Amino acid sequence: MIDFNKLAEAMGDLDEDVMVETLEQVMAEGGADAQKAMEACQKGMDTVGSLFEEGEYFVGDLIYAGELMTKAVEILKDALITDGGEDTVKARMILCTVKDDLHDIGKNIVRSMLEAAGFEVLDLGIDVAPEKIVETAKAEGINIIGLSGVLTLAIDSMKDTIDAFKEAGMRDDVKIVIGGAPVNAEVCEQTGADAWASSPQTTIDYCKSWAKTA
């Protein structure tokens, strides 16, 4: 019997041994609970974020937590790809942290989970200018864009990026999801994005629906 509360606690405590042991147990039992395990890990990441805000964790702890989350995805990867046969999502998309923001922990976690879900992710990195995102989308024929940001100023960069797609006459050709600490429904409307995500799984759900209707 998998104890998901214990798994969430292990992730929050940055206890790699317990986390890995629990996830390997999930896979040993067939992987049916992989999604529940991923949600427990995300809950643990929320704890990490809270402890960072309270000053109990530091930047190094955040980086380590991101590495643990990436490792969790690697362990669960095969079981997380739940769609089979004709329903399997095979799509390319762009993911990046927007201009003036250098944070990539959340972006990297989302990338790992998107890849686990079958996406080919073109990760442009951090501090990416709107022009580069638009040019890459045009050159590569990509119509799903994921924009990440942690700083409040990232909101302006997200809006600038979406405006750049409008100016290039490409806005109707792409679907854009935004995510990160300052993002909410109001910010989504403010920037003109198609959707906003509060968790990696929400991002995946949106991207899957767009890929299937493309």
Protein backbone atom coordinates (compact mmCIF):
# COMPACT_ATOMS: atom_id res chain seq x y z
CA MET A 1 0.00 0.00 0.00
CA ILE A 2 1.57 3.27 -1.16
CA ASP A 3 1.52 6.07 1.42
CA PHE A 4 1.13 9.18 -0.73
CA ASN A 5 1.15 11.51 2.28
CA LYS A 6 4.52 10.05 3.22
CA LEU A 7 5.72 10.62 -0.35
CA ALA A 8 4.59 14.26 -0.29
CA GLU A 9 6.32 14.71 3.05
CA ALA A 10 9.52 13.13 1.72
CA MET A 11 9.56 15.53 -1.21
CA GLY A 12 8.93 18.47 1.11
CA ASP A 13 11.75 17.28 3.36
CA LEU A 14 14.05 16.75 0.34
CA ASP A 15 14.44 13.13 1.41
CA GLU A 16 15.67 11.51 -1.79
CA ASP A 17 15.98 7.98 -0.38
CA VAL A 18 12.35 7.75 0.77
CA MET A 19 11.10 9.44 -2.40
CA VAL A 20 12.97 7.09 -4.74
CA GLU A 21 12.02 4.02 -2.71
CA THR A 22 8.34 4.95 -2.80
CA LEU A 23 8.33 5.74 -6.52
CA GLU A 24 10.12 2.52 -7.36
CA GLN A 25 7.45 0.70 -5.34
CA VAL A 26 4.79 2.41 -7.46
CA MET A 27 6.47 1.13 -10.62
CA ALA A 28 7.02 -2.33 -9.15
CA GLU A 29 3.28 -2.57 -8.56
CA GLY A 30 2.55 -1.82 -12.20
CA GLY A 31 2.55 1.97 -12.25
CA ALA A 32 -1.23 2.36 -11.95
CA ASP A 33 -0.75 4.96 -9.21
CA ALA A 34 1.88 6.96 -11.11
CA GLN A 35 -0.38 9.99 -11.49
CA LYS A 36 -1.25 9.98 -7.78
CA ALA A 37 2.47 9.73 -7.01
CA MET A 38 3.18 12.69 -9.28
CA GLU A 39 0.49 14.72 -7.55
CA ALA A 40 2.02 13.85 -4.16
CA CYS A 41 5.41 15.03 -5.40
CA GLN A 42 3.85 18.28 -6.61
CA LYS A 43 2.27 18.72 -3.17
CA GLY A 44 5.72 18.28 -1.69
CA MET A 45 7.08 20.90 -4.08
CA ASP A 46 4.42 23.31 -2.78
CA THR A 47 5.82 22.70 0.70
CA VAL A 48 9.32 23.44 -0.56
CA GLY A 49 8.08 26.71 -2.06
CA SER A 50 6.41 27.70 1.21
CA LEU A 51 9.50 26.91 3.26
CA PHE A 52 11.58 28.98 0.84
CA GLU A 53 9.22 31.94 1.27
CA GLU A 54 9.46 31.54 5.05
CA GLY A 55 13.26 31.60 4.90
CA GLU A 56 13.74 28.00 6.04
CA TYR A 57 14.91 26.85 2.60
CA PHE A 58 17.38 28.63 0.35
CA VAL A 59 18.11 28.78 -3.39
CA GLY A 60 20.26 25.65 -3.18
CA ASP A 61 17.32 23.79 -1.66
CA LEU A 62 15.06 24.92 -4.51
CA ILE A 63 17.56 23.70 -7.07
CA TYR A 64 17.86 20.35 -5.31
CA ALA A 65 14.08 20.06 -5.12
CA GLY A 66 13.90 20.66 -8.87
CA GLU A 67 16.45 17.90 -9.43
CA LEU A 68 14.40 15.54 -7.24
CA MET A 69 11.24 16.34 -9.19
CA THR A 70 13.02 15.68 -12.48
CA LYS A 71 14.24 12.36 -11.07
CA ALA A 72 10.68 11.51 -10.00
CA VAL A 73 9.45 12.09 -13.54
CA GLU A 74 12.22 9.89 -14.91
CA ILE A 75 11.24 7.03 -12.60
CA LEU A 76 7.54 7.33 -13.41
CA LYS A 77 7.99 8.25 -17.06
CA ASP A 78 6.76 5.04 -18.68
CA ALA A 79 3.66 4.88 -16.47
CA LEU A 80 2.81 8.56 -16.99
CA ILE A 81 2.36 8.01 -20.71
CA THR A 82 -1.21 6.82 -20.34
CA ASP A 83 -2.51 7.44 -23.84
CA GLY A 84 -1.91 4.56 -26.18
CA GLY A 85 -2.42 3.63 -29.80
CA GLU A 86 -4.17 6.22 -31.91
CA ASP A 87 -4.71 8.47 -28.88
CA THR A 88 -1.01 9.00 -28.24
CA VAL A 89 -0.11 12.68 -28.44
CA LYS A 90 2.78 13.35 -30.78
CA ALA A 91 3.39 17.07 -31.04
CA ARG A 92 6.16 19.62 -30.95
CA MET A 93 6.00 22.70 -28.79
CA ILE A 94 8.13 25.60 -27.52
CA LEU A 95 8.82 26.11 -23.83
CA CYS A 96 10.87 28.87 -22.22
CA THR A 97 11.27 31.33 -19.37
CA VAL A 98 10.42 34.79 -20.66
CA LYS A 99 12.69 37.81 -21.03
CA ASP A 100 14.20 39.29 -17.83
CA ASP A 101 13.50 36.15 -15.78
CA LEU A 102 16.33 33.68 -15.07
CA HIS A 103 14.38 31.00 -13.19
CA ASP A 104 14.21 27.57 -14.75
CA ILE A 105 13.35 25.04 -12.01
CA GLY A 106 9.61 25.08 -12.72
CA LYS A 107 10.19 25.15 -16.47
CA ASN A 108 12.47 22.15 -16.31
CA ILE A 109 9.95 20.15 -14.28
CA VAL A 110 7.20 20.97 -16.77
CA ARG A 111 9.49 20.03 -19.67
CA SER A 112 10.24 16.64 -18.12
CA MET A 113 6.54 15.93 -17.61
CA LEU A 114 5.62 17.10 -21.12
CA GLU A 115 8.28 14.81 -22.58
CA ALA A 116 6.92 11.99 -20.46
CA ALA A 117 3.51 12.71 -21.98
CA GLY A 118 4.93 12.30 -25.49
CA PHE A 119 5.72 15.88 -26.52
CA GLU A 120 8.86 16.92 -28.34
CA VAL A 121 9.78 20.05 -26.37
CA LEU A 122 11.95 22.73 -27.91
CA ASP A 123 13.32 24.36 -24.75
CA LEU A 124 14.65 27.83 -25.56
CA GLY A 125 16.00 28.33 -22.03
CA ILE A 126 15.73 31.42 -19.85
CA ASP A 127 15.51 35.18 -20.45
CA VAL A 128 14.14 34.61 -23.95
CA ALA A 129 13.17 37.65 -26.01
CA PRO A 130 9.71 37.76 -27.65
CA GLU A 131 11.30 38.04 -31.09
CA LYS A 132 13.22 34.80 -30.65
CA ILE A 133 10.10 32.91 -29.59
CA VAL A 134 8.13 34.20 -32.58
CA GLU A 135 10.97 33.54 -35.03
CA THR A 136 11.44 30.00 -33.71
CA ALA A 137 7.74 29.22 -33.88
CA LYS A 138 7.63 30.45 -37.48
CA ALA A 139 10.79 28.65 -38.56
CA GLU A 140 9.86 25.36 -36.89
CA GLY A 141 6.14 25.44 -37.69
CA ILE A 142 5.22 25.15 -34.00
CA ASN A 143 1.79 26.25 -32.78
CA ILE A 144 1.88 25.39 -29.05
CA ILE A 145 3.83 27.76 -26.80
CA GLY A 146 4.52 27.50 -23.07
CA LEU A 147 5.74 30.65 -21.30
CA SER A 148 7.13 30.44 -17.76
CA GLY A 149 8.04 33.11 -15.25
CA VAL A 150 8.59 33.49 -11.52
CA LEU A 151 9.14 37.23 -11.16
CA THR A 152 6.30 39.74 -11.32
CA LEU A 153 8.03 41.53 -14.19
CA ALA A 154 7.63 38.30 -16.19
CA ILE A 155 3.98 39.31 -16.68
CA ASP A 156 5.04 42.22 -18.89
CA SER A 157 7.36 39.95 -20.86
CA MET A 158 4.56 37.42 -21.38
CA LYS A 159 2.30 40.18 -22.70
CA ASP A 160 5.09 41.48 -24.94
CA THR A 161 5.58 37.99 -26.34
CA ILE A 162 1.89 37.51 -27.09
CA ASP A 163 1.76 41.00 -28.64
CA ALA A 164 4.76 40.02 -30.80
CA PHE A 165 2.77 37.11 -32.21
CA LYS A 166 -0.04 39.55 -33.01
CA GLU A 167 2.34 41.93 -34.76
CA ALA A 168 3.74 39.05 -36.79
CA GLY A 169 0.22 38.09 -37.87
CA MET A 170 0.59 34.70 -36.17
CA ARG A 171 -1.61 35.04 -33.08
CA ASP A 172 -4.47 33.01 -34.53
CA ASP A 173 -2.04 30.24 -35.49
CA VAL A 174 -0.72 29.52 -31.99
CA LYS A 175 -2.04 28.48 -28.60
CA ILE A 176 -0.20 29.96 -25.61
CA VAL A 177 -0.23 28.76 -22.01
CA ILE A 178 1.47 30.74 -19.26
CA GLY A 179 2.59 29.53 -15.84
CA GLY A 180 4.63 30.45 -12.79
CA ALA A 181 4.29 32.09 -9.40
CA PRO A 182 2.68 35.42 -10.46
CA VAL A 183 0.24 33.87 -12.92
CA ASN A 184 -3.51 33.64 -12.32
CA ALA A 185 -6.76 34.08 -14.25
CA GLU A 186 -6.48 37.87 -14.13
CA VAL A 187 -2.93 37.77 -15.52
CA CYS A 188 -4.06 35.38 -18.24
CA GLU A 189 -6.66 37.90 -19.37
CA GLN A 190 -4.22 40.79 -19.00
CA THR A 191 -1.57 39.16 -21.19
CA GLY A 192 -3.98 37.75 -23.75
CA ALA A 193 -2.84 34.14 -23.24
CA ASP A 194 -5.13 31.26 -24.17
CA ALA A 195 -4.75 29.55 -20.79
CA TRP A 196 -2.86 29.63 -17.52
CA ALA A 197 -1.61 26.73 -15.43
CA SER A 198 -1.09 26.39 -11.69
CA SER A 199 0.59 22.98 -12.00
CA PRO A 200 2.60 20.96 -14.54
CA GLN A 201 -0.33 18.59 -15.05
CA THR A 202 -2.65 21.47 -15.98
CA THR A 203 -0.12 22.58 -18.59
CA ILE A 204 -0.01 19.07 -20.01
CA ASP A 205 -3.81 18.84 -20.15
CA TYR A 206 -4.08 22.06 -22.15
CA CYS A 207 -1.25 21.13 -24.51
CA LYS A 208 -2.73 17.68 -25.13
CA SER A 209 -6.12 19.13 -26.01
CA TRP A 210 -4.50 21.62 -28.41
CA ALA A 211 -2.31 18.96 -30.01
CA LYS A 212 -5.32 16.76 -30.74
CA THR A 213 -7.25 19.58 -32.40
CA ALA A 214 -4.30 20.92 -34.39
